[in-house]
Amino acid sequence: MMAVTCAEIFARMPEQFDAEVAGDWDAKVAYKIEGDGGGNWAMTVSNGSCSVAQGEVDDATATIITDCETWVGIAEGSVEPTTAFMTGKIRIEGNMADVMKAQKVIKRADA
């Protein structure tokens, strides 16, 4: 079985989106994934829906910066996001509340 890529994780985020948890939350969270398999993505949450697009955005409410290995680990549940943040594997810019909410509105595939 082939390893999951960062691109695949971002591609399936809209289908893992929980509109009920999101409520009336509006945000644009940018993801800067460094190193092999990385790139830039942005998740936009508005009016109870979620979209993800590849590329950089300049109007993000928050930005998450990490490497692909860490991001895949978080998405698959083998890396704890808080631990990754505390150990410097994830850096956050902007609104920390939006980052926390982003974790809650995207259900893990194995959950």
PDB file of N, CA and C in Angstrom:
ATOM      1  N   MET A   1       0.839  -1.177   0.000  1.00  0.00           N
ATOM      2  CA  MET A   1       0.000   0.000   0.000  1.00  0.00           C
ATOM      3  C   MET A   1       0.890   1.249   0.000  1.00  0.00           C
ATOM      4  N   MET A   2       0.545   2.174  -0.855  1.00  0.00           N
ATOM      5  CA  MET A   2       1.352   3.384  -0.976  1.00  0.00           C
ATOM      6  C   MET A   2       1.024   4.360   0.158  1.00  0.00           C
ATOM      7  N   ALA A   3       2.036   5.078   0.594  1.00  0.00           N
ATOM      8  CA  ALA A   3       1.836   6.059   1.660  1.00  0.00           C
ATOM      9  C   ALA A   3       0.923   7.191   1.170  1.00  0.00           C
ATOM     10  N   VAL A   4       0.178   7.742   2.084  1.00  0.00           N
ATOM     11  CA  VAL A   4      -0.702   8.870   1.784  1.00  0.00           C
ATOM     12  C   VAL A   4       0.158  10.111   1.567  1.00  0.00           C
ATOM     13  N   THR A   5      -0.212  10.917   0.580  1.00  0.00           N
ATOM     14  CA  THR A   5       0.526  12.156   0.326  1.00  0.00           C
ATOM     15  C   THR A   5      -0.210  13.346   0.937  1.00  0.00           C
ATOM     16  N   CYS A   6       0.516  14.441   1.098  1.00  0.00           N
ATOM     17  CA  CYS A   6      -0.105  15.670   1.593  1.00  0.00           C
ATOM     18  C   CYS A   6      -1.228  16.104   0.660  1.00  0.00           C
ATOM     19  N   ALA A   7      -0.996  16.012  -0.638  1.00  0.00           N
ATOM     20  CA  ALA A   7      -2.016  16.427  -1.616  1.00  0.00           C
ATOM     21  C   ALA A   7      -3.306  15.628  -1.433  1.00  0.00           C
ATOM     22  N   GLU A   8      -3.184  14.323  -1.168  1.00  0.00           N
ATOM     23  CA  GLU A   8      -4.379  13.487  -0.965  1.00  0.00           C
ATOM     24  C   GLU A   8      -5.138  13.905   0.298  1.00  0.00           C
ATOM     25  N   ILE A   9      -4.411  14.254   1.335  1.00  0.00           N
ATOM     26  CA  ILE A   9      -5.048  14.689   2.583  1.00  0.00           C
ATOM     27  C   ILE A   9      -5.855  15.965   2.335  1.00  0.00           C
ATOM     28  N   PHE A  10      -5.249  16.924   1.640  1.00  0.00           N
ATOM     29  CA  PHE A  10      -5.967  18.167   1.360  1.00  0.00           C
ATOM     30  C   PHE A  10      -7.153  17.920   0.439  1.00  0.00           C
ATOM     31  N   ALA A  11      -7.012  17.014  -0.515  1.00  0.00           N
ATOM     32  CA  ALA A  11      -8.097  16.726  -1.460  1.00  0.00           C
ATOM     33  C   ALA A  11      -9.330  16.176  -0.759  1.00  0.00           C
ATOM     34  N   ARG A  12      -9.123  15.412   0.314  1.00  0.00           N
ATOM     35  CA  ARG A  12     -10.289  14.811   0.974  1.00  0.00           C
ATOM     36  C   ARG A  12     -10.820  15.617   2.159  1.00  0.00           C
ATOM     37  N   MET A  13     -10.161  16.723   2.485  1.00  0.00           N
ATOM     38  CA  MET A  13     -10.638  17.540   3.608  1.00  0.00           C
ATOM     39  C   MET A  13     -12.085  18.019   3.441  1.00  0.00           C
ATOM     40  N   PRO A  14     -12.509  18.491   2.268  1.00  0.00           N
ATOM     41  CA  PRO A  14     -13.907  18.943   2.145  1.00  0.00           C
ATOM     42  C   PRO A  14     -14.931  17.841   2.447  1.00  0.00           C
ATOM     43  N   GLU A  15     -14.616  16.590   2.101  1.00  0.00           N
ATOM     44  CA  GLU A  15     -15.576  15.507   2.388  1.00  0.00           C
ATOM     45  C   GLU A  15     -15.533  15.070   3.846  1.00  0.00           C
ATOM     46  N   GLN A  16     -14.497  15.455   4.583  1.00  0.00           N
ATOM     47  CA  GLN A  16     -14.392  15.150   6.008  1.00  0.00           C
ATOM     48  C   GLN A  16     -14.868  16.325   6.866  1.00  0.00           C
ATOM     49  N   PHE A  17     -15.327  17.369   6.212  1.00  0.00           N
ATOM     50  CA  PHE A  17     -15.772  18.582   6.889  1.00  0.00           C
ATOM     51  C   PHE A  17     -17.085  18.344   7.630  1.00  0.00           C
ATOM     52  N   ASP A  18     -17.153  18.830   8.871  1.00  0.00           N
ATOM     53  CA  ASP A  18     -18.356  18.690   9.690  1.00  0.00           C
ATOM     54  C   ASP A  18     -19.028  20.060   9.812  1.00  0.00           C
ATOM     55  N   ALA A  19     -20.037  20.294   8.977  1.00  0.00           N
ATOM     56  CA  ALA A  19     -20.721  21.596   8.929  1.00  0.00           C
ATOM     57  C   ALA A  19     -21.398  21.924  10.257  1.00  0.00           C
ATOM     58  N   GLU A  20     -21.872  20.899  10.941  1.00  0.00           N
ATOM     59  CA  GLU A  20     -22.547  21.117  12.222  1.00  0.00           C
ATOM     60  C   GLU A  20     -21.583  21.697  13.252  1.00  0.00           C
ATOM     61  N   VAL A  21     -20.378  21.162  13.292  1.00  0.00           N
ATOM     62  CA  VAL A  21     -19.357  21.666  14.215  1.00  0.00           C
ATOM     63  C   VAL A  21     -18.930  23.080  13.803  1.00  0.00           C
ATOM     64  N   ALA A  22     -18.840  23.327  12.515  1.00  0.00           N
ATOM     65  CA  ALA A  22     -18.400  24.632  12.013  1.00  0.00           C
ATOM     66  C   ALA A  22     -19.399  25.738  12.333  1.00  0.00           C
ATOM     67  N   GLY A  23     -20.690  25.415  12.291  1.00  0.00           N
ATOM     68  CA  GLY A  23     -21.704  26.423  12.574  1.00  0.00           C
ATOM     69  C   GLY A  23     -21.565  27.632  11.665  1.00  0.00           C
ATOM     70  N   ASP A  24     -21.480  28.821  12.248  1.00  0.00           N
ATOM     71  CA  ASP A  24     -21.376  30.041  11.448  1.00  0.00           C
ATOM     72  C   ASP A  24     -19.941  30.561  11.356  1.00  0.00           C
ATOM     73  N   TRP A  25     -18.972  29.676  11.618  1.00  0.00           N
ATOM     74  CA  TRP A  25     -17.558  30.051  11.578  1.00  0.00           C
ATOM     75  C   TRP A  25     -17.118  30.323  10.141  1.00  0.00           C
ATOM     76  N   ASP A  26     -16.476  31.444   9.928  1.00  0.00           N
ATOM     77  CA  ASP A  26     -15.877  31.785   8.636  1.00  0.00           C
ATOM     78  C   ASP A  26     -14.391  31.998   8.838  1.00  0.00           C
ATOM     79  N   ALA A  27     -13.577  31.356   8.005  1.00  0.00           N
ATOM     80  CA  ALA A  27     -12.125  31.513   8.121  1.00  0.00           C
ATOM     81  C   ALA A  27     -11.451  31.034   6.847  1.00  0.00           C
ATOM     82  N   LYS A  28     -10.215  31.452   6.684  1.00  0.00           N
ATOM     83  CA  LYS A  28      -9.374  30.912   5.611  1.00  0.00           C
ATOM     84  C   LYS A  28      -8.042  30.550   6.259  1.00  0.00           C
ATOM     85  N   VAL A  29      -7.762  29.266   6.304  1.00  0.00           N
ATOM     86  CA  VAL A  29      -6.540  28.772   6.931  1.00  0.00           C
ATOM     87  C   VAL A  29      -5.574  28.335   5.837  1.00  0.00           C
ATOM     88  N   ALA A  30      -4.396  28.948   5.824  1.00  0.00           N
ATOM     89  CA  ALA A  30      -3.358  28.595   4.860  1.00  0.00           C
ATOM     90  C   ALA A  30      -2.456  27.524   5.450  1.00  0.00           C
ATOM     91  N   TYR A  31      -1.997  26.638   4.581  1.00  0.00           N
ATOM     92  CA  TYR A  31      -1.082  25.570   4.980  1.00  0.00           C
ATOM     93  C   TYR A  31       0.166  25.674   4.121  1.00  0.00           C
ATOM     94  N   LYS A  32       1.317  25.845   4.775  1.00  0.00           N
ATOM     95  CA  LYS A  32       2.599  25.846   4.076  1.00  0.00           C
ATOM     96  C   LYS A  32       3.304  24.565   4.486  1.00  0.00           C
ATOM     97  N   ILE A  33       3.349  23.619   3.566  1.00  0.00           N
ATOM     98  CA  ILE A  33       3.958  22.322   3.856  1.00  0.00           C
ATOM     99  C   ILE A  33       5.332  22.299   3.196  1.00  0.00           C
ATOM    100  N   GLU A  34       6.355  22.195   4.021  1.00  0.00           N
ATOM    101  CA  GLU A  34       7.724  22.297   3.543  1.00  0.00           C
ATOM    102  C   GLU A  34       8.312  20.929   3.206  1.00  0.00           C
ATOM    103  N   GLY A  35       9.339  20.928   2.351  1.00  0.00           N
ATOM    104  CA  GLY A  35      10.070  19.713   2.032  1.00  0.00           C
ATOM    105  C   GLY A  35       9.408  18.864   0.963  1.00  0.00           C
ATOM    106  N   ASP A  36       9.881  17.626   0.841  1.00  0.00           N
ATOM    107  CA  ASP A  36       9.371  16.700  -0.172  1.00  0.00           C
ATOM    108  C   ASP A  36       7.875  16.486  -0.016  1.00  0.00           C
ATOM    109  N   GLY A  37       7.152  16.563  -1.112  1.00  0.00           N
ATOM    110  CA  GLY A  37       5.711  16.333  -1.084  1.00  0.00           C
ATOM    111  C   GLY A  37       4.923  17.519  -0.573  1.00  0.00           C
ATOM    112  N   GLY A  38       5.607  18.618  -0.310  1.00  0.00           N
ATOM    113  CA  GLY A  38       4.952  19.781   0.254  1.00  0.00           C
ATOM    114  C   GLY A  38       4.319  20.680  -0.786  1.00  0.00           C
ATOM    115  N   GLY A  39       3.959  21.870  -0.338  1.00  0.00           N
ATOM    116  CA  GLY A  39       3.319  22.844  -1.203  1.00  0.00           C
ATOM    117  C   GLY A  39       2.464  23.763  -0.357  1.00  0.00           C
ATOM    118  N   ASN A  40       1.651  24.549  -1.016  1.00  0.00           N
ATOM    119  CA  ASN A  40       0.770  25.483  -0.330  1.00  0.00           C
ATOM    120  C   ASN A  40      -0.683  25.161  -0.647  1.00  0.00           C
ATOM    121  N   TRP A  41      -1.507  25.178   0.388  1.00  0.00           N
ATOM    122  CA  TRP A  41      -2.941  24.952   0.245  1.00  0.00           C
ATOM    123  C   TRP A  41      -3.668  25.960   1.132  1.00  0.00           C
ATOM    124  N   ALA A  42      -4.946  26.146   0.857  1.00  0.00           N
ATOM    125  CA  ALA A  42      -5.767  26.998   1.723  1.00  0.00           C
ATOM    126  C   ALA A  42      -7.144  26.360   1.872  1.00  0.00           C
ATOM    127  N   MET A  43      -7.613  26.293   3.110  1.00  0.00           N
ATOM    128  CA  MET A  43      -8.957  25.800   3.402  1.00  0.00           C
ATOM    129  C   MET A  43      -9.822  27.015   3.719  1.00  0.00           C
ATOM    130  N   THR A  44     -10.901  27.161   2.965  1.00  0.00           N
ATOM    131  CA  THR A  44     -11.834  28.260   3.198  1.00  0.00           C
ATOM    132  C   THR A  44     -13.123  27.677   3.764  1.00  0.00           C
ATOM    133  N   VAL A  45     -13.536  28.198   4.915  1.00  0.00           N
ATOM    134  CA  VAL A  45     -14.787  27.784   5.534  1.00  0.00           C
ATOM    135  C   VAL A  45     -15.699  29.006   5.565  1.00  0.00           C
ATOM    136  N   SER A  46     -16.883  28.837   4.966  1.00  0.00           N
ATOM    137  CA  SER A  46     -17.817  29.949   4.906  1.00  0.00           C
ATOM    138  C   SER A  46     -19.227  29.413   4.702  1.00  0.00           C
ATOM    139  N   ASN A  47     -20.179  29.975   5.417  1.00  0.00           N
ATOM    140  CA  ASN A  47     -21.591  29.588   5.253  1.00  0.00           C
ATOM    141  C   ASN A  47     -21.817  28.082   5.351  1.00  0.00           C
ATOM    142  N   GLY A  48     -21.115  27.438   6.276  1.00  0.00           N
ATOM    143  CA  GLY A  48     -21.323  26.011   6.506  1.00  0.00           C
ATOM    144  C   GLY A  48     -20.751  25.093   5.453  1.00  0.00           C
ATOM    145  N   SER A  49     -19.838  25.606   4.623  1.00  0.00           N
ATOM    146  CA  SER A  49     -19.202  24.728   3.641  1.00  0.00           C
ATOM    147  C   SER A  49     -17.689  24.926   3.682  1.00  0.00           C
ATOM    148  N   CYS A  50     -16.995  23.978   3.093  1.00  0.00           N
ATOM    149  CA  CYS A  50     -15.533  23.974   3.130  1.00  0.00           C
ATOM    150  C   CYS A  50     -15.008  23.717   1.726  1.00  0.00           C
ATOM    151  N   SER A  51     -14.016  24.502   1.334  1.00  0.00           N
ATOM    152  CA  SER A  51     -13.321  24.232   0.077  1.00  0.00           C
ATOM    153  C   SER A  51     -11.827  24.311   0.335  1.00  0.00           C
ATOM    154  N   VAL A  52     -11.076  23.558  -0.446  1.00  0.00           N
ATOM    155  CA  VAL A  52      -9.625  23.553  -0.328  1.00  0.00           C
ATOM    156  C   VAL A  52      -9.047  23.785  -1.715  1.00  0.00           C
ATOM    157  N   ALA A  53      -8.115  24.707  -1.808  1.00  0.00           N
ATOM    158  CA  ALA A  53      -7.471  24.991  -3.087  1.00  0.00           C
ATOM    159  C   ALA A  53      -5.961  24.979  -2.907  1.00  0.00           C
ATOM    160  N   GLN A  54      -5.271  24.508  -3.933  1.00  0.00           N
ATOM    161  CA  GLN A  54      -3.815  24.536  -3.883  1.00  0.00           C
ATOM    162  C   GLN A  54      -3.338  25.924  -4.284  1.00  0.00           C
ATOM    163  N   GLY A  55      -2.275  26.377  -3.643  1.00  0.00           N
ATOM    164  CA  GLY A  55      -1.696  27.673  -3.955  1.00  0.00           C
ATOM    165  C   GLY A  55      -1.637  28.563  -2.724  1.00  0.00           C
ATOM    166  N   GLU A  56      -0.919  29.657  -2.862  1.00  0.00           N
ATOM    167  CA  GLU A  56      -0.757  30.602  -1.758  1.00  0.00           C
ATOM    168  C   GLU A  56      -1.922  31.587  -1.717  1.00  0.00           C
ATOM    169  N   VAL A  57      -2.251  32.045  -0.533  1.00  0.00           N
ATOM    170  CA  VAL A  57      -3.269  33.085  -0.357  1.00  0.00           C
ATOM    171  C   VAL A  57      -2.682  34.180   0.522  1.00  0.00           C
ATOM    172  N   ASP A  58      -3.139  35.409   0.322  1.00  0.00           N
ATOM    173  CA  ASP A  58      -2.605  36.498   1.134  1.00  0.00           C
ATOM    174  C   ASP A  58      -3.622  37.027   2.138  1.00  0.00           C
ATOM    175  N   ASP A  59      -4.804  36.409   2.188  1.00  0.00           N
ATOM    176  CA  ASP A  59      -5.842  36.881   3.107  1.00  0.00           C
ATOM    177  C   ASP A  59      -6.237  35.826   4.141  1.00  0.00           C
ATOM    178  N   ALA A  60      -5.292  34.943   4.475  1.00  0.00           N
ATOM    179  CA  ALA A  60      -5.580  33.889   5.450  1.00  0.00           C
ATOM    180  C   ALA A  60      -5.748  34.486   6.847  1.00  0.00           C
ATOM    181  N   THR A  61      -6.679  33.913   7.619  1.00  0.00           N
ATOM    182  CA  THR A  61      -6.844  34.330   9.005  1.00  0.00           C
ATOM    183  C   THR A  61      -5.804  33.650   9.896  1.00  0.00           C
ATOM    184  N   ALA A  62      -5.264  32.521   9.419  1.00  0.00           N
ATOM    185  CA  ALA A  62      -4.221  31.800  10.144  1.00  0.00           C
ATOM    186  C   ALA A  62      -3.403  30.990   9.141  1.00  0.00           C
ATOM    187  N   THR A  63      -2.151  30.735   9.490  1.00  0.00           N
ATOM    188  CA  THR A  63      -1.278  29.925   8.645  1.00  0.00           C
ATOM    189  C   THR A  63      -0.620  28.853   9.498  1.00  0.00           C
ATOM    190  N   ILE A  64      -0.633  27.630   8.977  1.00  0.00           N
ATOM    191  CA  ILE A  64       0.017  26.494   9.625  1.00  0.00           C
ATOM    192  C   ILE A  64       1.228  26.134   8.774  1.00  0.00           C
ATOM    193  N   ILE A  65       2.408  26.082   9.399  1.00  0.00           N
ATOM    194  CA  ILE A  65       3.643  25.768   8.685  1.00  0.00           C
ATOM    195  C   ILE A  65       4.225  24.495   9.300  1.00  0.00           C
ATOM    196  N   THR A  66       4.435  23.483   8.464  1.00  0.00           N
ATOM    197  CA  THR A  66       4.984  22.219   8.953  1.00  0.00           C
ATOM    198  C   THR A  66       5.604  21.475   7.774  1.00  0.00           C
ATOM    199  N   ASP A  67       6.053  20.249   8.001  1.00  0.00           N
ATOM    200  CA  ASP A  67       6.568  19.433   6.900  1.00  0.00           C
ATOM    201  C   ASP A  67       5.560  18.339   6.578  1.00  0.00           C
ATOM    202  N   CYS A  68       5.730  17.723   5.428  1.00  0.00           N
ATOM    203  CA  CYS A  68       4.752  16.744   4.949  1.00  0.00           C
ATOM    204  C   CYS A  68       4.632  15.546   5.895  1.00  0.00           C
ATOM    205  N   GLU A  69       5.747  15.061   6.393  1.00  0.00           N
ATOM    206  CA  GLU A  69       5.721  13.896   7.288  1.00  0.00           C
ATOM    207  C   GLU A  69       4.876  14.180   8.535  1.00  0.00           C
ATOM    208  N   THR A  70       5.070  15.366   9.121  1.00  0.00           N
ATOM    209  CA  THR A  70       4.295  15.743  10.307  1.00  0.00           C
ATOM    210  C   THR A  70       2.824  15.880   9.960  1.00  0.00           C
ATOM    211  N   TRP A  71       2.521  16.531   8.822  1.00  0.00           N
ATOM    212  CA  TRP A  71       1.121  16.752   8.434  1.00  0.00           C
ATOM    213  C   TRP A  71       0.401  15.430   8.175  1.00  0.00           C
ATOM    214  N   VAL A  72       1.051  14.499   7.489  1.00  0.00           N
ATOM    215  CA  VAL A  72       0.455  13.179   7.244  1.00  0.00           C
ATOM    216  C   VAL A  72       0.235  12.477   8.577  1.00  0.00           C
ATOM    217  N   GLY A  73       1.200  12.577   9.488  1.00  0.00           N
ATOM    218  CA  GLY A  73       1.069  11.951  10.809  1.00  0.00           C
ATOM    219  C   GLY A  73      -0.122  12.494  11.579  1.00  0.00           C
ATOM    220  N   ILE A  74      -0.327  13.809  11.520  1.00  0.00           N
ATOM    221  CA  ILE A  74      -1.468  14.420  12.195  1.00  0.00           C
ATOM    222  C   ILE A  74      -2.768  13.931  11.561  1.00  0.00           C
ATOM    223  N   ALA A  75      -2.813  13.930  10.239  1.00  0.00           N
ATOM    224  CA  ALA A  75      -4.029  13.511   9.532  1.00  0.00           C
ATOM    225  C   ALA A  75      -4.375  12.055   9.802  1.00  0.00           C
ATOM    226  N   GLU A  76      -3.356  11.225   9.977  1.00  0.00           N
ATOM    227  CA  GLU A  76      -3.585   9.796  10.197  1.00  0.00           C
ATOM    228  C   GLU A  76      -3.675   9.436  11.678  1.00  0.00           C
ATOM    229  N   GLY A  77      -3.425  10.407  12.545  1.00  0.00           N
ATOM    230  CA  GLY A  77      -3.575  10.159  13.972  1.00  0.00           C
ATOM    231  C   GLY A  77      -2.348   9.635  14.685  1.00  0.00           C
ATOM    232  N   SER A  78      -1.218   9.525  13.988  1.00  0.00           N
ATOM    233  CA  SER A  78      -0.008   9.019  14.643  1.00  0.00           C
ATOM    234  C   SER A  78       0.822  10.137  15.276  1.00  0.00           C
ATOM    235  N   VAL A  79       0.505  11.389  14.945  1.00  0.00           N
ATOM    236  CA  VAL A  79       1.192  12.544  15.535  1.00  0.00           C
ATOM    237  C   VAL A  79       0.145  13.407  16.229  1.00  0.00           C
ATOM    238  N   GLU A  80       0.398  13.742  17.475  1.00  0.00           N
ATOM    239  CA  GLU A  80      -0.504  14.597  18.247  1.00  0.00           C
ATOM    240  C   GLU A  80      -0.206  16.056  17.903  1.00  0.00           C
ATOM    241  N   PRO A  81      -1.199  16.817  17.412  1.00  0.00           N
ATOM    242  CA  PRO A  81      -0.948  18.201  16.993  1.00  0.00           C
ATOM    243  C   PRO A  81      -0.337  19.089  18.079  1.00  0.00           C
ATOM    244  N   THR A  82      -0.803  18.960  19.311  1.00  0.00           N
ATOM    245  CA  THR A  82      -0.283  19.796  20.399  1.00  0.00           C
ATOM    246  C   THR A  82       1.195  19.499  20.643  1.00  0.00           C
ATOM    247  N   THR A  83       1.550  18.229  20.637  1.00  0.00           N
ATOM    248  CA  THR A  83       2.952  17.838  20.835  1.00  0.00           C
ATOM    249  C   THR A  83       3.810  18.365  19.697  1.00  0.00           C
ATOM    250  N   ALA A  84       3.317  18.242  18.460  1.00  0.00           N
ATOM    251  CA  ALA A  84       4.068  18.739  17.305  1.00  0.00           C
ATOM    252  C   ALA A  84       4.301  20.245  17.422  1.00  0.00           C
ATOM    253  N   PHE A  85       3.297  20.967  17.894  1.00  0.00           N
ATOM    254  CA  PHE A  85       3.427  22.414  18.075  1.00  0.00           C
ATOM    255  C   PHE A  85       4.457  22.728  19.167  1.00  0.00           C
ATOM    256  N   MET A  86       4.355  22.040  20.303  1.00  0.00           N
ATOM    257  CA  MET A  86       5.247  22.297  21.434  1.00  0.00           C
ATOM    258  C   MET A  86       6.708  21.961  21.113  1.00  0.00           C
ATOM    259  N   THR A  87       6.916  21.010  20.211  1.00  0.00           N
ATOM    260  CA  THR A  87       8.281  20.610  19.863  1.00  0.00           C
ATOM    261  C   THR A  87       8.792  21.341  18.619  1.00  0.00           C
ATOM    262  N   GLY A  88       8.014  22.282  18.111  1.00  0.00           N
ATOM    263  CA  GLY A  88       8.469  23.090  16.984  1.00  0.00           C
ATOM    264  C   GLY A  88       8.277  22.477  15.614  1.00  0.00           C
ATOM    265  N   LYS A  89       7.595  21.352  15.545  1.00  0.00           N
ATOM    266  CA  LYS A  89       7.351  20.725  14.242  1.00  0.00           C
ATOM    267  C   LYS A  89       6.235  21.423  13.468  1.00  0.00           C
ATOM    268  N   ILE A  90       5.419  22.208  14.180  1.00  0.00           N
ATOM    269  CA  ILE A  90       4.381  23.028  13.557  1.00  0.00           C
ATOM    270  C   ILE A  90       4.571  24.454  14.057  1.00  0.00           C
ATOM    271  N   ARG A  91       4.489  25.395  13.125  1.00  0.00           N
ATOM    272  CA  ARG A  91       4.493  26.806  13.504  1.00  0.00           C
ATOM    273  C   ARG A  91       3.157  27.402  13.081  1.00  0.00           C
ATOM    274  N   ILE A  92       2.659  28.322  13.882  1.00  0.00           N
ATOM    275  CA  ILE A  92       1.363  28.955  13.631  1.00  0.00           C
ATOM    276  C   ILE A  92       1.573  30.455  13.480  1.00  0.00           C
ATOM    277  N   GLU A  93       0.950  31.028  12.470  1.00  0.00           N
ATOM    278  CA  GLU A  93       0.922  32.481  12.319  1.00  0.00           C
ATOM    279  C   GLU A  93      -0.536  32.901  12.261  1.00  0.00           C
ATOM    280  N   GLY A  94      -0.857  34.021  12.872  1.00  0.00           N
ATOM    281  CA  GLY A  94      -2.230  34.520  12.797  1.00  0.00           C
ATOM    282  C   GLY A  94      -3.087  34.041  13.948  1.00  0.00           C
ATOM    283  N   ASN A  95      -4.356  33.822  13.671  1.00  0.00           N
ATOM    284  CA  ASN A  95      -5.369  33.547  14.676  1.00  0.00           C
ATOM    285  C   ASN A  95      -5.329  32.090  15.149  1.00  0.00           C
ATOM    286  N   MET A  96      -4.791  31.881  16.359  1.00  0.00           N
ATOM    287  CA  MET A  96      -4.684  30.535  16.916  1.00  0.00           C
ATOM    288  C   MET A  96      -6.060  29.878  17.073  1.00  0.00           C
ATOM    289  N   ALA A  97      -7.093  30.661  17.384  1.00  0.00           N
ATOM    290  CA  ALA A  97      -8.443  30.103  17.537  1.00  0.00           C
ATOM    291  C   ALA A  97      -8.914  29.463  16.237  1.00  0.00           C
ATOM    292  N   ASP A  98      -8.574  30.050  15.086  1.00  0.00           N
ATOM    293  CA  ASP A  98      -8.960  29.465  13.803  1.00  0.00           C
ATOM    294  C   ASP A  98      -8.246  28.134  13.559  1.00  0.00           C
ATOM    295  N   VAL A  99      -6.998  28.053  14.006  1.00  0.00           N
ATOM    296  CA  VAL A  99      -6.254  26.791  13.864  1.00  0.00           C
ATOM    297  C   VAL A  99      -6.903  25.704  14.717  1.00  0.00           C
ATOM    298  N   MET A 100      -7.264  26.056  15.949  1.00  0.00           N
ATOM    299  CA  MET A 100      -7.905  25.084  16.839  1.00  0.00           C
ATOM    300  C   MET A 100      -9.244  24.625  16.263  1.00  0.00           C
ATOM    301  N   LYS A 101     -10.013  25.563  15.737  1.00  0.00           N
ATOM    302  CA  LYS A 101     -11.321  25.230  15.163  1.00  0.00           C
ATOM    303  C   LYS A 101     -11.141  24.362  13.912  1.00  0.00           C
ATOM    304  N   ALA A 102     -10.120  24.652  13.116  1.00  0.00           N
ATOM    305  CA  ALA A 102      -9.861  23.865  11.906  1.00  0.00           C
ATOM    306  C   ALA A 102      -9.646  22.392  12.249  1.00  0.00           C
ATOM    307  N   GLN A 103      -8.989  22.124  13.379  1.00  0.00           N
ATOM    308  CA  GLN A 103      -8.781  20.737  13.810  1.00  0.00           C
ATOM    309  C   GLN A 103     -10.106  20.048  14.103  1.00  0.00           C
ATOM    310  N   LYS A 104     -11.065  20.811  14.625  1.00  0.00           N
ATOM    311  CA  LYS A 104     -12.336  20.224  15.053  1.00  0.00           C
ATOM    312  C   LYS A 104     -13.310  19.987  13.895  1.00  0.00           C
ATOM    313  N   VAL A 105     -13.259  20.838  12.868  1.00  0.00           N
ATOM    314  CA  VAL A 105     -14.263  20.726  11.802  1.00  0.00           C
ATOM    315  C   VAL A 105     -13.904  19.684  10.739  1.00  0.00           C
ATOM    316  N   ILE A 106     -12.655  19.223  10.729  1.00  0.00           N
ATOM    317  CA  ILE A 106     -12.254  18.183   9.790  1.00  0.00           C
ATOM    318  C   ILE A 106     -12.130  16.870  10.569  1.00  0.00           C
ATOM    319  N   LYS A 107     -13.035  15.942  10.260  1.00  0.00           N
ATOM    320  CA  LYS A 107     -13.019  14.660  10.953  1.00  0.00           C
ATOM    321  C   LYS A 107     -11.915  13.786  10.360  1.00  0.00           C
ATOM    322  N   ARG A 108     -11.146  13.128  11.211  1.00  0.00           N
ATOM    323  CA  ARG A 108     -10.128  12.208  10.720  1.00  0.00           C
ATOM    324  C   ARG A 108     -10.784  11.046  10.011  1.00  0.00           C
ATOM    325  N   ALA A 109     -10.119  10.555   8.984  1.00  0.00           N
ATOM    326  CA  ALA A 109     -10.660   9.461   8.171  1.00  0.00           C
ATOM    327  C   ALA A 109     -10.947   8.208   9.005  1.00  0.00           C
ATOM    328  N   ASP A 110     -10.138   7.989  10.043  1.00  0.00           N
ATOM    329  CA  ASP A 110     -10.306   6.771  10.840  1.00  0.00           C
ATOM    330  C   ASP A 110     -11.216   6.979  12.043  1.00  0.00           C
ATOM    331  N   ALA A 111     -11.734   8.201  12.200  1.00  0.00           N
ATOM    332  CA  ALA A 111     -12.555   8.513  13.386  1.00  0.00           C
ATOM    333  C   ALA A 111     -13.991   8.055  13.205  1.00  0.00           C
TER     334      ALA A 111
END
